[in-house]
Amino acid sequence: MQIWFVISLIFSAIITLFAVLNPEVVTIKLFWVNYELSQSLVILMSAAFGAIITIFLGIFSKIKSRLKIRELSSELASANQKIELLSDNLKIYEMKSNLEQKTESDVTESPAE
């Protein structure tokens, strides 16, 4: 995570240096209106706009991941409950089976006495 922060700082410094080295006034046509702005301002605004878009996409991705994690966690909890229920049912079945075997062995042994 820190390496990406360092890389973004270096990239920001390069963009800023590039903007400072290009101070000429340029004409920007936006729809039907012409604007005269410093080229360095246009460069910095474009970089800032790109950063904002990247931040929003990152937030969207993080929200989507958290929702998926929440969904999978609830599925896991449900599956664990089913496992516990089936395990309890298996124990009850085994106890009944053992009891029936014991009862059958007691019944078969009784007439022989």
Protein backbone atom coordinates (compact mmCIF):
# COMPACT_ATOMS: atom_id res chain seq x y z
CA MET A 1 0.00 0.00 0.00
CA GLN A 2 2.81 2.44 0.85
CA ILE A 3 4.62 1.68 -2.39
CA TRP A 4 1.57 2.87 -4.36
CA PHE A 5 1.51 6.05 -2.29
CA VAL A 6 5.17 6.72 -3.09
CA ILE A 7 4.61 5.98 -6.78
CA SER A 8 1.61 8.34 -6.88
CA LEU A 9 3.66 11.08 -5.19
CA ILE A 10 6.43 10.69 -7.76
CA PHE A 11 3.89 10.74 -10.58
CA SER A 12 2.26 13.86 -9.10
CA ALA A 13 5.63 15.59 -8.91
CA ILE A 14 6.31 14.76 -12.57
CA ILE A 15 2.90 16.13 -13.61
CA THR A 16 3.45 19.29 -11.56
CA LEU A 17 6.90 19.82 -13.09
CA PHE A 18 5.45 19.31 -16.57
CA ALA A 19 2.68 21.82 -15.82
CA VAL A 20 5.10 24.44 -14.48
CA LEU A 21 7.28 24.11 -17.59
CA ASN A 22 4.27 24.83 -19.85
CA PRO A 23 2.80 28.18 -18.70
CA GLU A 24 1.58 29.38 -22.13
CA VAL A 25 -2.03 30.47 -22.59
CA VAL A 26 -4.13 28.08 -24.66
CA THR A 27 -7.68 28.23 -26.00
CA ILE A 28 -9.96 25.47 -24.75
CA LYS A 29 -13.17 24.79 -26.67
CA LEU A 30 -15.83 23.33 -24.40
CA PHE A 31 -19.09 22.75 -26.25
CA TRP A 32 -19.74 26.10 -27.95
CA VAL A 33 -17.71 28.27 -25.59
CA ASN A 34 -14.04 29.16 -25.86
CA TYR A 35 -11.92 29.56 -22.73
CA GLU A 36 -8.42 31.00 -22.54
CA LEU A 37 -6.49 29.32 -19.74
CA SER A 38 -2.91 28.70 -18.80
CA GLN A 39 -1.71 25.37 -20.17
CA SER A 40 -0.30 24.47 -16.75
CA LEU A 41 -3.74 25.03 -15.21
CA VAL A 42 -5.32 22.79 -17.86
CA ILE A 43 -2.74 20.07 -17.13
CA LEU A 44 -3.29 20.25 -13.36
CA MET A 45 -7.09 20.30 -13.73
CA SER A 46 -6.95 17.26 -16.00
CA ALA A 47 -4.74 15.39 -13.54
CA ALA A 48 -7.03 16.32 -10.64
CA PHE A 49 -10.11 15.23 -12.60
CA GLY A 50 -8.44 11.91 -13.40
CA ALA A 51 -7.53 11.42 -9.74
CA ILE A 52 -11.12 12.13 -8.65
CA ILE A 53 -12.47 9.61 -11.16
CA THR A 54 -9.94 7.03 -9.94
CA ILE A 55 -10.94 7.63 -6.32
CA PHE A 56 -14.64 7.18 -7.11
CA LEU A 57 -13.96 3.98 -9.04
CA GLY A 58 -11.86 2.69 -6.13
CA ILE A 59 -14.61 3.49 -3.64
CA PHE A 60 -17.18 1.76 -5.87
CA SER A 61 -14.96 -1.30 -6.13
CA LYS A 62 -14.40 -1.38 -2.36
CA ILE A 63 -18.15 -1.11 -1.65
CA LYS A 64 -18.85 -3.89 -4.14
CA SER A 65 -16.21 -6.10 -2.49
CA ARG A 66 -17.60 -5.46 1.00
CA LEU A 67 -21.12 -6.34 -0.14
CA LYS A 68 -19.83 -9.58 -1.65
CA ILE A 69 -17.93 -10.38 1.57
CA ARG A 70 -21.09 -9.75 3.60
CA GLU A 71 -23.08 -12.03 1.27
CA LEU A 72 -20.49 -14.81 1.45
CA SER A 73 -20.24 -14.48 5.24
CA SER A 74 -23.98 -14.96 5.61
CA GLU A 75 -23.84 -17.99 3.28
CA LEU A 76 -21.00 -19.42 5.39
CA ALA A 77 -22.96 -18.88 8.61
CA SER A 78 -25.99 -20.58 7.07
CA ALA A 79 -23.86 -23.52 5.89
CA ASN A 80 -22.30 -23.86 9.36
CA GLN A 81 -25.77 -23.95 10.92
CA LYS A 82 -26.80 -26.70 8.51
CA ILE A 83 -23.64 -28.65 9.33
CA GLU A 84 -24.37 -28.40 13.05
CA LEU A 85 -27.98 -29.49 12.50
CA LEU A 86 -26.95 -32.45 10.37
CA SER A 87 -24.26 -33.38 12.89
CA ASP A 88 -26.83 -33.33 15.70
CA ASN A 89 -29.21 -35.43 13.58
CA LEU A 90 -26.41 -37.91 12.88
CA LYS A 91 -25.65 -38.22 16.59
CA ILE A 92 -29.34 -38.83 17.35
CA TYR A 93 -29.52 -41.42 14.56
CA GLU A 94 -26.41 -43.19 15.88
CA MET A 95 -27.83 -43.18 19.41
CA LYS A 96 -31.13 -44.67 18.15
CA SER A 97 -29.27 -47.26 16.13
CA ASN A 98 -27.14 -48.26 19.11
CA LEU A 99 -30.23 -48.41 21.33
CA GLU A 100 -32.06 -50.60 18.79
CA GLN A 101 -29.06 -52.94 18.54
CA LYS A 102 -28.88 -53.15 22.30
CA THR A 103 -32.63 -53.84 22.52
CA GLU A 104 -32.42 -56.52 19.82
CA SER A 105 -29.50 -58.19 21.56
CA ASP A 106 -31.40 -58.11 24.87
CA VAL A 107 -34.46 -59.64 23.20
CA THR A 108 -32.46 -62.43 21.54
CA GLU A 109 -30.62 -63.20 24.78
CA SER A 110 -33.79 -63.33 26.95
CA PRO A 111 -35.40 -66.51 25.52
CA ALA A 112 -32.14 -68.40 25.81
CA GLU A 113 -32.06 -68.04 29.55
